[in-house]
Amino acid sequence: MFAICLQSSPSPTSQSVNPEIKHLLAKFEDLFQEPTQLPPTREVDYHIILHEGTMPINVRPYRYAYFQKAEIEKQVHDMLKLGLIKSSTSPFSFLFCW
């Protein structure tokens, strides 16, 4: 989960953040913490059931603007480094590939 607060000041400081936003962020502080581990095991583990002999379905990756691609790569690298995600060698494409 994340919060976005748009302000018109060119260089926002902690003093210029709307008090209502500060209160909201403080109230739900635990929701806005950076994850440090994988989520807990769920009661139902999601997987895709394939018919026997089904070939991998590959779709062309989305194209991103350079600044978006650079940020996505940085975040993916950080999550890999923290162990929040892992590399996949699956022949199936994923919506978030580039």
PDB file of N, CA and C in Angstrom:
ATOM      1  N   MET A   1       0.840  -1.157   0.000  1.00  0.00           N
ATOM      2  CA  MET A   1       0.000   0.000   0.000  1.00  0.00           C
ATOM      3  C   MET A   1       0.893   1.230   0.000  1.00  0.00           C
ATOM      4  N   PHE A   2       0.446   2.273  -0.631  1.00  0.00           N
ATOM      5  CA  PHE A   2       1.209   3.506  -0.648  1.00  0.00           C
ATOM      6  C   PHE A   2       0.268   4.690  -0.613  1.00  0.00           C
ATOM      7  N   ALA A   3       0.825   5.842  -0.270  1.00  0.00           N
ATOM      8  CA  ALA A   3       0.032   7.070  -0.225  1.00  0.00           C
ATOM      9  C   ALA A   3       0.695   8.096  -1.111  1.00  0.00           C
ATOM     10  N   ILE A   4      -0.112   8.874  -1.781  1.00  0.00           N
ATOM     11  CA  ILE A   4       0.396   9.946  -2.630  1.00  0.00           C
ATOM     12  C   ILE A   4      -0.210  11.248  -2.132  1.00  0.00           C
ATOM     13  N   CYS A   5       0.627  12.227  -1.935  1.00  0.00           N
ATOM     14  CA  CYS A   5       0.160  13.539  -1.506  1.00  0.00           C
ATOM     15  C   CYS A   5       0.753  14.562  -2.464  1.00  0.00           C
ATOM     16  N   LEU A   6      -0.090  15.183  -3.283  1.00  0.00           N
ATOM     17  CA  LEU A   6       0.374  16.181  -4.237  1.00  0.00           C
ATOM     18  C   LEU A   6       0.244  17.567  -3.628  1.00  0.00           C
ATOM     19  N   GLN A   7       1.336  18.332  -3.732  1.00  0.00           N
ATOM     20  CA  GLN A   7       1.336  19.683  -3.208  1.00  0.00           C
ATOM     21  C   GLN A   7       1.906  20.619  -4.248  1.00  0.00           C
ATOM     22  N   SER A   8       1.537  21.892  -4.155  1.00  0.00           N
ATOM     23  CA  SER A   8       1.996  22.856  -5.148  1.00  0.00           C
ATOM     24  C   SER A   8       3.345  23.468  -4.814  1.00  0.00           C
ATOM     25  N   SER A   9       3.870  23.263  -3.615  1.00  0.00           N
ATOM     26  CA  SER A   9       5.163  23.867  -3.275  1.00  0.00           C
ATOM     27  C   SER A   9       6.274  23.155  -4.032  1.00  0.00           C
ATOM     28  N   PRO A  10       7.280  23.902  -4.523  1.00  0.00           N
ATOM     29  CA  PRO A  10       8.346  23.299  -5.327  1.00  0.00           C
ATOM     30  C   PRO A  10       9.244  22.347  -4.554  1.00  0.00           C
ATOM     31  N   SER A  11       9.464  22.604  -3.274  1.00  0.00           N
ATOM     32  CA  SER A  11      10.320  21.709  -2.485  1.00  0.00           C
ATOM     33  C   SER A  11       9.646  21.438  -1.144  1.00  0.00           C
ATOM     34  N   PRO A  12       8.790  20.413  -1.107  1.00  0.00           N
ATOM     35  CA  PRO A  12       8.054  20.144   0.128  1.00  0.00           C
ATOM     36  C   PRO A  12       8.985  19.693   1.246  1.00  0.00           C
ATOM     37  N   THR A  13       8.700  20.167   2.429  1.00  0.00           N
ATOM     38  CA  THR A  13       9.432  19.734   3.616  1.00  0.00           C
ATOM     39  C   THR A  13       8.443  19.061   4.537  1.00  0.00           C
ATOM     40  N   SER A  14       8.945  18.443   5.576  1.00  0.00           N
ATOM     41  CA  SER A  14       8.036  17.762   6.494  1.00  0.00           C
ATOM     42  C   SER A  14       7.071  18.748   7.150  1.00  0.00           C
ATOM     43  N   GLN A  15       7.469  20.029   7.261  1.00  0.00           N
ATOM     44  CA  GLN A  15       6.591  21.023   7.859  1.00  0.00           C
ATOM     45  C   GLN A  15       5.466  21.429   6.903  1.00  0.00           C
ATOM     46  N   SER A  16       5.647  21.239   5.604  1.00  0.00           N
ATOM     47  CA  SER A  16       4.634  21.682   4.649  1.00  0.00           C
ATOM     48  C   SER A  16       3.607  20.601   4.320  1.00  0.00           C
ATOM     49  N   VAL A  17       3.741  19.421   4.883  1.00  0.00           N
ATOM     50  CA  VAL A  17       2.777  18.351   4.627  1.00  0.00           C
ATOM     51  C   VAL A  17       1.487  18.659   5.368  1.00  0.00           C
ATOM     52  N   ASN A  18       0.384  18.492   4.683  1.00  0.00           N
ATOM     53  CA  ASN A  18      -0.933  18.744   5.253  1.00  0.00           C
ATOM     54  C   ASN A  18      -1.081  17.967   6.563  1.00  0.00           C
ATOM     55  N   PRO A  19      -1.514  18.628   7.647  1.00  0.00           N
ATOM     56  CA  PRO A  19      -1.660  17.940   8.943  1.00  0.00           C
ATOM     57  C   PRO A  19      -2.604  16.740   8.879  1.00  0.00           C
ATOM     58  N   GLU A  20      -3.641  16.808   8.047  1.00  0.00           N
ATOM     59  CA  GLU A  20      -4.558  15.673   7.931  1.00  0.00           C
ATOM     60  C   GLU A  20      -3.843  14.457   7.329  1.00  0.00           C
ATOM     61  N   ILE A  21      -2.962  14.724   6.341  1.00  0.00           N
ATOM     62  CA  ILE A  21      -2.182  13.636   5.734  1.00  0.00           C
ATOM     63  C   ILE A  21      -1.204  13.076   6.761  1.00  0.00           C
ATOM     64  N   LYS A  22      -0.548  13.945   7.529  1.00  0.00           N
ATOM     65  CA  LYS A  22       0.368  13.482   8.579  1.00  0.00           C
ATOM     66  C   LYS A  22      -0.361  12.579   9.565  1.00  0.00           C
ATOM     67  N   HIS A  23      -1.558  13.001   9.973  1.00  0.00           N
ATOM     68  CA  HIS A  23      -2.339  12.215  10.928  1.00  0.00           C
ATOM     69  C   HIS A  23      -2.703  10.848  10.332  1.00  0.00           C
ATOM     70  N   LEU A  24      -3.142  10.854   9.085  1.00  0.00           N
ATOM     71  CA  LEU A  24      -3.518   9.619   8.410  1.00  0.00           C
ATOM     72  C   LEU A  24      -2.327   8.668   8.299  1.00  0.00           C
ATOM     73  N   LEU A  25      -1.166   9.201   7.907  1.00  0.00           N
ATOM     74  CA  LEU A  25       0.032   8.370   7.787  1.00  0.00           C
ATOM     75  C   LEU A  25       0.470   7.836   9.146  1.00  0.00           C
ATOM     76  N   ALA A  26       0.344   8.654  10.184  1.00  0.00           N
ATOM     77  CA  ALA A  26       0.713   8.203  11.530  1.00  0.00           C
ATOM     78  C   ALA A  26      -0.252   7.127  12.023  1.00  0.00           C
ATOM     79  N   LYS A  27      -1.545   7.325  11.745  1.00  0.00           N
ATOM     80  CA  LYS A  27      -2.563   6.375  12.200  1.00  0.00           C
ATOM     81  C   LYS A  27      -2.363   4.991  11.582  1.00  0.00           C
ATOM     82  N   PHE A  28      -1.977   4.959  10.301  1.00  0.00           N
ATOM     83  CA  PHE A  28      -1.802   3.685   9.597  1.00  0.00           C
ATOM     84  C   PHE A  28      -0.337   3.430   9.268  1.00  0.00           C
ATOM     85  N   GLU A  29       0.543   3.841  10.151  1.00  0.00           N
ATOM     86  CA  GLU A  29       1.987   3.728   9.934  1.00  0.00           C
ATOM     87  C   GLU A  29       2.416   2.301   9.586  1.00  0.00           C
ATOM     88  N   ASP A  30       1.813   1.311  10.232  1.00  0.00           N
ATOM     89  CA  ASP A  30       2.199  -0.073   9.978  1.00  0.00           C
ATOM     90  C   ASP A  30       1.905  -0.510   8.550  1.00  0.00           C
ATOM     91  N   LEU A  31       0.915   0.105   7.898  1.00  0.00           N
ATOM     92  CA  LEU A  31       0.583  -0.250   6.519  1.00  0.00           C
ATOM     93  C   LEU A  31       1.572   0.318   5.500  1.00  0.00           C
ATOM     94  N   PHE A  32       2.281   1.372   5.884  1.00  0.00           N
ATOM     95  CA  PHE A  32       3.167   2.045   4.941  1.00  0.00           C
ATOM     96  C   PHE A  32       4.634   1.686   5.156  1.00  0.00           C
ATOM     97  N   GLN A  33       4.923   0.664   5.938  1.00  0.00           N
ATOM     98  CA  GLN A  33       6.293   0.220   6.165  1.00  0.00           C
ATOM     99  C   GLN A  33       6.797  -0.541   4.947  1.00  0.00           C
ATOM    100  N   GLU A  34       8.087  -0.390   4.648  1.00  0.00           N
ATOM    101  CA  GLU A  34       8.707  -1.162   3.569  1.00  0.00           C
ATOM    102  C   GLU A  34       8.670  -2.635   3.961  1.00  0.00           C
ATOM    103  N   PRO A  35       8.265  -3.534   3.057  1.00  0.00           N
ATOM    104  CA  PRO A  35       8.266  -4.965   3.400  1.00  0.00           C
ATOM    105  C   PRO A  35       9.692  -5.471   3.582  1.00  0.00           C
ATOM    106  N   THR A  36       9.863  -6.393   4.512  1.00  0.00           N
ATOM    107  CA  THR A  36      11.186  -6.963   4.770  1.00  0.00           C
ATOM    108  C   THR A  36      11.222  -8.464   4.536  1.00  0.00           C
ATOM    109  N   GLN A  37      10.091  -9.039   4.190  1.00  0.00           N
ATOM    110  CA  GLN A  37      10.036 -10.479   3.947  1.00  0.00           C
ATOM    111  C   GLN A  37       8.851 -10.792   3.045  1.00  0.00           C
ATOM    112  N   LEU A  38       8.783 -12.029   2.589  1.00  0.00           N
ATOM    113  CA  LEU A  38       7.653 -12.464   1.782  1.00  0.00           C
ATOM    114  C   LEU A  38       6.398 -12.491   2.642  1.00  0.00           C
ATOM    115  N   PRO A  39       5.239 -12.372   2.028  1.00  0.00           N
ATOM    116  CA  PRO A  39       4.004 -12.439   2.816  1.00  0.00           C
ATOM    117  C   PRO A  39       3.841 -13.817   3.445  1.00  0.00           C
ATOM    118  N   PRO A  40       3.031 -13.921   4.496  1.00  0.00           N
ATOM    119  CA  PRO A  40       2.842 -15.216   5.147  1.00  0.00           C
ATOM    120  C   PRO A  40       2.160 -16.213   4.215  1.00  0.00           C
ATOM    121  N   THR A  41       2.342 -17.478   4.502  1.00  0.00           N
ATOM    122  CA  THR A  41       1.697 -18.531   3.724  1.00  0.00           C
ATOM    123  C   THR A  41       0.186 -18.379   3.855  1.00  0.00           C
ATOM    124  N   ARG A  42      -0.489 -18.511   2.748  1.00  0.00           N
ATOM    125  CA  ARG A  42      -1.944 -18.349   2.722  1.00  0.00           C
ATOM    126  C   ARG A  42      -2.631 -19.712   2.832  1.00  0.00           C
ATOM    127  N   GLU A  43      -3.906 -19.661   3.154  1.00  0.00           N
ATOM    128  CA  GLU A  43      -4.679 -20.899   3.254  1.00  0.00           C
ATOM    129  C   GLU A  43      -4.773 -21.578   1.894  1.00  0.00           C
ATOM    130  N   VAL A  44      -4.897 -20.777   0.829  1.00  0.00           N
ATOM    131  CA  VAL A  44      -4.976 -21.301  -0.527  1.00  0.00           C
ATOM    132  C   VAL A  44      -3.783 -20.769  -1.300  1.00  0.00           C
ATOM    133  N   ASP A  45      -3.009 -21.659  -1.895  1.00  0.00           N
ATOM    134  CA  ASP A  45      -1.856 -21.253  -2.697  1.00  0.00           C
ATOM    135  C   ASP A  45      -2.304 -21.146  -4.145  1.00  0.00           C
ATOM    136  N   TYR A  46      -2.168 -19.966  -4.712  1.00  0.00           N
ATOM    137  CA  TYR A  46      -2.633 -19.718  -6.075  1.00  0.00           C
ATOM    138  C   TYR A  46      -1.716 -20.370  -7.101  1.00  0.00           C
ATOM    139  N   HIS A  47      -2.304 -21.019  -8.070  1.00  0.00           N
ATOM    140  CA  HIS A  47      -1.551 -21.550  -9.202  1.00  0.00           C
ATOM    141  C   HIS A  47      -2.485 -21.664 -10.398  1.00  0.00           C
ATOM    142  N   ILE A  48      -1.907 -21.722 -11.565  1.00  0.00           N
ATOM    143  CA  ILE A  48      -2.694 -21.800 -12.794  1.00  0.00           C
ATOM    144  C   ILE A  48      -2.773 -23.262 -13.216  1.00  0.00           C
ATOM    145  N   ILE A  49      -3.973 -23.751 -13.368  1.00  0.00           N
ATOM    146  CA  ILE A  49      -4.173 -25.142 -13.782  1.00  0.00           C
ATOM    147  C   ILE A  49      -4.189 -25.172 -15.310  1.00  0.00           C
ATOM    148  N   LEU A  50      -3.317 -25.974 -15.892  1.00  0.00           N
ATOM    149  CA  LEU A  50      -3.216 -26.072 -17.344  1.00  0.00           C
ATOM    150  C   LEU A  50      -3.756 -27.407 -17.831  1.00  0.00           C
ATOM    151  N   HIS A  51      -4.314 -27.392 -19.021  1.00  0.00           N
ATOM    152  CA  HIS A  51      -4.706 -28.638 -19.637  1.00  0.00           C
ATOM    153  C   HIS A  51      -3.445 -29.356 -20.102  1.00  0.00           C
ATOM    154  N   GLU A  52      -3.460 -30.661 -20.060  1.00  0.00           N
ATOM    155  CA  GLU A  52      -2.289 -31.436 -20.463  1.00  0.00           C
ATOM    156  C   GLU A  52      -1.893 -31.098 -21.900  1.00  0.00           C
ATOM    157  N   GLY A  53      -0.614 -30.859 -22.117  1.00  0.00           N
ATOM    158  CA  GLY A  53      -0.095 -30.549 -23.443  1.00  0.00           C
ATOM    159  C   GLY A  53      -0.215 -29.079 -23.828  1.00  0.00           C
ATOM    160  N   THR A  54      -0.666 -28.231 -22.920  1.00  0.00           N
ATOM    161  CA  THR A  54      -0.797 -26.813 -23.221  1.00  0.00           C
ATOM    162  C   THR A  54       0.583 -26.185 -23.393  1.00  0.00           C
ATOM    163  N   MET A  55       0.751 -25.425 -24.451  1.00  0.00           N
ATOM    164  CA  MET A  55       2.015 -24.736 -24.704  1.00  0.00           C
ATOM    165  C   MET A  55       2.026 -23.410 -23.946  1.00  0.00           C
ATOM    166  N   PRO A  56       3.212 -22.936 -23.594  1.00  0.00           N
ATOM    167  CA  PRO A  56       3.300 -21.648 -22.900  1.00  0.00           C
ATOM    168  C   PRO A  56       2.681 -20.529 -23.746  1.00  0.00           C
ATOM    169  N   ILE A  57       1.977 -19.648 -23.071  1.00  0.00           N
ATOM    170  CA  ILE A  57       1.361 -18.512 -23.746  1.00  0.00           C
ATOM    171  C   ILE A  57       2.253 -17.305 -23.492  1.00  0.00           C
ATOM    172  N   ASN A  58       2.849 -16.797 -24.523  1.00  0.00           N
ATOM    173  CA  ASN A  58       3.712 -15.633 -24.389  1.00  0.00           C
ATOM    174  C   ASN A  58       3.074 -14.454 -25.089  1.00  0.00           C
ATOM    175  N   VAL A  59       3.089 -13.311 -24.417  1.00  0.00           N
ATOM    176  CA  VAL A  59       2.586 -12.080 -25.026  1.00  0.00           C
ATOM    177  C   VAL A  59       3.742 -11.087 -25.088  1.00  0.00           C
ATOM    178  N   ARG A  60       3.657 -10.172 -26.018  1.00  0.00           N
ATOM    179  CA  ARG A  60       4.710  -9.176 -26.152  1.00  0.00           C
ATOM    180  C   ARG A  60       4.738  -8.291 -24.910  1.00  0.00           C
ATOM    181  N   PRO A  61       5.911  -8.025 -24.366  1.00  0.00           N
ATOM    182  CA  PRO A  61       6.001  -7.192 -23.163  1.00  0.00           C
ATOM    183  C   PRO A  61       5.520  -5.772 -23.423  1.00  0.00           C
ATOM    184  N   TYR A  62       5.033  -5.146 -22.375  1.00  0.00           N
ATOM    185  CA  TYR A  62       4.651  -3.743 -22.460  1.00  0.00           C
ATOM    186  C   TYR A  62       5.902  -2.893 -22.655  1.00  0.00           C
ATOM    187  N   ARG A  63       5.750  -1.774 -23.315  1.00  0.00           N
ATOM    188  CA  ARG A  63       6.861  -0.833 -23.469  1.00  0.00           C
ATOM    189  C   ARG A  63       6.649   0.296 -22.476  1.00  0.00           C
ATOM    190  N   TYR A  64       7.737   0.705 -21.863  1.00  0.00           N
ATOM    191  CA  TYR A  64       7.693   1.775 -20.882  1.00  0.00           C
ATOM    192  C   TYR A  64       8.609   2.901 -21.314  1.00  0.00           C
ATOM    193  N   ALA A  65       8.277   4.112 -20.890  1.00  0.00           N
ATOM    194  CA  ALA A  65       9.174   5.242 -21.109  1.00  0.00           C
ATOM    195  C   ALA A  65      10.466   4.966 -20.349  1.00  0.00           C
ATOM    196  N   TYR A  66      11.563   5.558 -20.803  1.00  0.00           N
ATOM    197  CA  TYR A  66      12.872   5.285 -20.194  1.00  0.00           C
ATOM    198  C   TYR A  66      12.860   5.502 -18.684  1.00  0.00           C
ATOM    199  N   PHE A  67      12.302   6.646 -18.236  1.00  0.00           N
ATOM    200  CA  PHE A  67      12.323   6.942 -16.798  1.00  0.00           C
ATOM    201  C   PHE A  67      11.497   5.933 -16.009  1.00  0.00           C
ATOM    202  N   GLN A  68      10.405   5.422 -16.600  1.00  0.00           N
ATOM    203  CA  GLN A  68       9.609   4.405 -15.922  1.00  0.00           C
ATOM    204  C   GLN A  68      10.362   3.082 -15.875  1.00  0.00           C
ATOM    205  N   LYS A  69      10.969   2.717 -16.995  1.00  0.00           N
ATOM    206  CA  LYS A  69      11.709   1.455 -17.065  1.00  0.00           C
ATOM    207  C   LYS A  69      12.856   1.449 -16.066  1.00  0.00           C
ATOM    208  N   ALA A  70      13.570   2.575 -15.977  1.00  0.00           N
ATOM    209  CA  ALA A  70      14.689   2.670 -15.037  1.00  0.00           C
ATOM    210  C   ALA A  70      14.198   2.499 -13.598  1.00  0.00           C
ATOM    211  N   GLU A  71      13.073   3.116 -13.258  1.00  0.00           N
ATOM    212  CA  GLU A  71      12.533   3.002 -11.900  1.00  0.00           C
ATOM    213  C   GLU A  71      12.037   1.581 -11.632  1.00  0.00           C
ATOM    214  N   ILE A  72      11.383   0.972 -12.606  1.00  0.00           N
ATOM    215  CA  ILE A  72      10.911  -0.411 -12.444  1.00  0.00           C
ATOM    216  C   ILE A  72      12.100  -1.341 -12.225  1.00  0.00           C
ATOM    217  N   GLU A  73      13.144  -1.183 -13.031  1.00  0.00           N
ATOM    218  CA  GLU A  73      14.329  -2.031 -12.877  1.00  0.00           C
ATOM    219  C   GLU A  73      14.975  -1.835 -11.514  1.00  0.00           C
ATOM    220  N   LYS A  74      15.031  -0.588 -11.031  1.00  0.00           N
ATOM    221  CA  LYS A  74      15.615  -0.306  -9.714  1.00  0.00           C
ATOM    222  C   LYS A  74      14.803  -1.003  -8.622  1.00  0.00           C
ATOM    223  N   GLN A  75      13.462  -0.876  -8.694  1.00  0.00           N
ATOM    224  CA  GLN A  75      12.625  -1.483  -7.670  1.00  0.00           C
ATOM    225  C   GLN A  75      12.700  -3.005  -7.714  1.00  0.00           C
ATOM    226  N   VAL A  76      12.719  -3.583  -8.905  1.00  0.00           N
ATOM    227  CA  VAL A  76      12.832  -5.037  -9.029  1.00  0.00           C
ATOM    228  C   VAL A  76      14.173  -5.502  -8.470  1.00  0.00           C
ATOM    229  N   HIS A  77      15.246  -4.781  -8.796  1.00  0.00           N
ATOM    230  CA  HIS A  77      16.573  -5.128  -8.273  1.00  0.00           C
ATOM    231  C   HIS A  77      16.572  -5.081  -6.742  1.00  0.00           C
ATOM    232  N   ASP A  78      15.984  -4.025  -6.170  1.00  0.00           N
ATOM    233  CA  ASP A  78      15.926  -3.899  -4.713  1.00  0.00           C
ATOM    234  C   ASP A  78      15.125  -5.035  -4.089  1.00  0.00           C
ATOM    235  N   MET A  79      13.988  -5.396  -4.709  1.00  0.00           N
ATOM    236  CA  MET A  79      13.168  -6.483  -4.158  1.00  0.00           C
ATOM    237  C   MET A  79      13.874  -7.834  -4.276  1.00  0.00           C
ATOM    238  N   LEU A  80      14.607  -8.041  -5.386  1.00  0.00           N
ATOM    239  CA  LEU A  80      15.390  -9.271  -5.516  1.00  0.00           C
ATOM    240  C   LEU A  80      16.456  -9.343  -4.434  1.00  0.00           C
ATOM    241  N   LYS A  81      17.122  -8.217  -4.208  1.00  0.00           N
ATOM    242  CA  LYS A  81      18.199  -8.147  -3.216  1.00  0.00           C
ATOM    243  C   LYS A  81      17.673  -8.432  -1.811  1.00  0.00           C
ATOM    244  N   LEU A  82      16.467  -7.933  -1.502  1.00  0.00           N
ATOM    245  CA  LEU A  82      15.866  -8.156  -0.185  1.00  0.00           C
ATOM    246  C   LEU A  82      15.219  -9.538  -0.047  1.00  0.00           C
ATOM    247  N   GLY A  83      15.077 -10.253  -1.163  1.00  0.00           N
ATOM    248  CA  GLY A  83      14.452 -11.565  -1.116  1.00  0.00           C
ATOM    249  C   GLY A  83      12.930 -11.512  -1.122  1.00  0.00           C
ATOM    250  N   LEU A  84      12.362 -10.358  -1.483  1.00  0.00           N
ATOM    251  CA  LEU A  84      10.908 -10.236  -1.525  1.00  0.00           C
ATOM    252  C   LEU A  84      10.329 -10.897  -2.757  1.00  0.00           C
ATOM    253  N   ILE A  85      11.126 -11.006  -3.805  1.00  0.00           N
ATOM    254  CA  ILE A  85      10.731 -11.699  -5.029  1.00  0.00           C
ATOM    255  C   ILE A  85      11.883 -12.580  -5.452  1.00  0.00           C
ATOM    256  N   LYS A  86      11.640 -13.482  -6.378  1.00  0.00           N
ATOM    257  CA  LYS A  86      12.720 -14.325  -6.881  1.00  0.00           C
ATOM    258  C   LYS A  86      12.617 -14.430  -8.394  1.00  0.00           C
ATOM    259  N   SER A  87      13.725 -14.710  -9.020  1.00  0.00           N
ATOM    260  CA  SER A  87      13.757 -14.851 -10.474  1.00  0.00           C
ATOM    261  C   SER A  87      12.963 -16.082 -10.889  1.00  0.00           C
ATOM    262  N   SER A  88      12.460 -16.030 -12.087  1.00  0.00           N
ATOM    263  CA  SER A  88      11.687 -17.152 -12.602  1.00  0.00           C
ATOM    264  C   SER A  88      12.256 -17.582 -13.948  1.00  0.00           C
ATOM    265  N   THR A  89      12.276 -18.872 -14.167  1.00  0.00           N
ATOM    266  CA  THR A  89      12.696 -19.403 -15.460  1.00  0.00           C
ATOM    267  C   THR A  89      11.508 -20.022 -16.182  1.00  0.00           C
ATOM    268  N   SER A  90      10.315 -19.644 -15.754  1.00  0.00           N
ATOM    269  CA  SER A  90       9.100 -20.173 -16.346  1.00  0.00           C
ATOM    270  C   SER A  90       9.001 -19.774 -17.817  1.00  0.00           C
ATOM    271  N   PRO A  91       8.572 -20.691 -18.681  1.00  0.00           N
ATOM    272  CA  PRO A  91       8.400 -20.345 -20.090  1.00  0.00           C
ATOM    273  C   PRO A  91       7.167 -19.482 -20.328  1.00  0.00           C
ATOM    274  N   PHE A  92       6.352 -19.305 -19.309  1.00  0.00           N
ATOM    275  CA  PHE A  92       5.150 -18.482 -19.442  1.00  0.00           C
ATOM    276  C   PHE A  92       5.513 -17.031 -19.161  1.00  0.00           C
ATOM    277  N   SER A  93       4.968 -16.138 -19.957  1.00  0.00           N
ATOM    278  CA  SER A  93       5.230 -14.718 -19.707  1.00  0.00           C
ATOM    279  C   SER A  93       4.397 -14.246 -18.549  1.00  0.00           C
ATOM    280  N   PHE A  94       4.759 -13.118 -18.018  1.00  0.00           N
ATOM    281  CA  PHE A  94       4.055 -12.517 -16.903  1.00  0.00           C
ATOM    282  C   PHE A  94       3.747 -11.093 -17.275  1.00  0.00           C
ATOM    283  N   LEU A  95       2.643 -10.581 -16.786  1.00  0.00           N
ATOM    284  CA  LEU A  95       2.167  -9.256 -17.152  1.00  0.00           C
ATOM    285  C   LEU A  95       3.190  -8.163 -16.909  1.00  0.00           C
ATOM    286  N   PHE A  96       4.134  -8.383 -16.006  1.00  0.00           N
ATOM    287  CA  PHE A  96       5.052  -7.325 -15.605  1.00  0.00           C
ATOM    288  C   PHE A  96       6.450  -7.495 -16.234  1.00  0.00           C
ATOM    289  N   CYS A  97       6.572  -8.234 -17.278  1.00  0.00           N
ATOM    290  CA  CYS A  97       7.872  -8.417 -17.924  1.00  0.00           C
ATOM    291  C   CYS A  97       8.132  -7.280 -18.901  1.00  0.00           C
ATOM    292  N   TRP A  98       9.390  -7.003 -19.213  1.00  0.00           N
ATOM    293  CA  TRP A  98       9.732  -5.996 -20.215  1.00  0.00           C
ATOM    294  C   TRP A  98      10.895  -6.427 -21.026  1.00  0.00           C
TER     295      TRP A  98
END
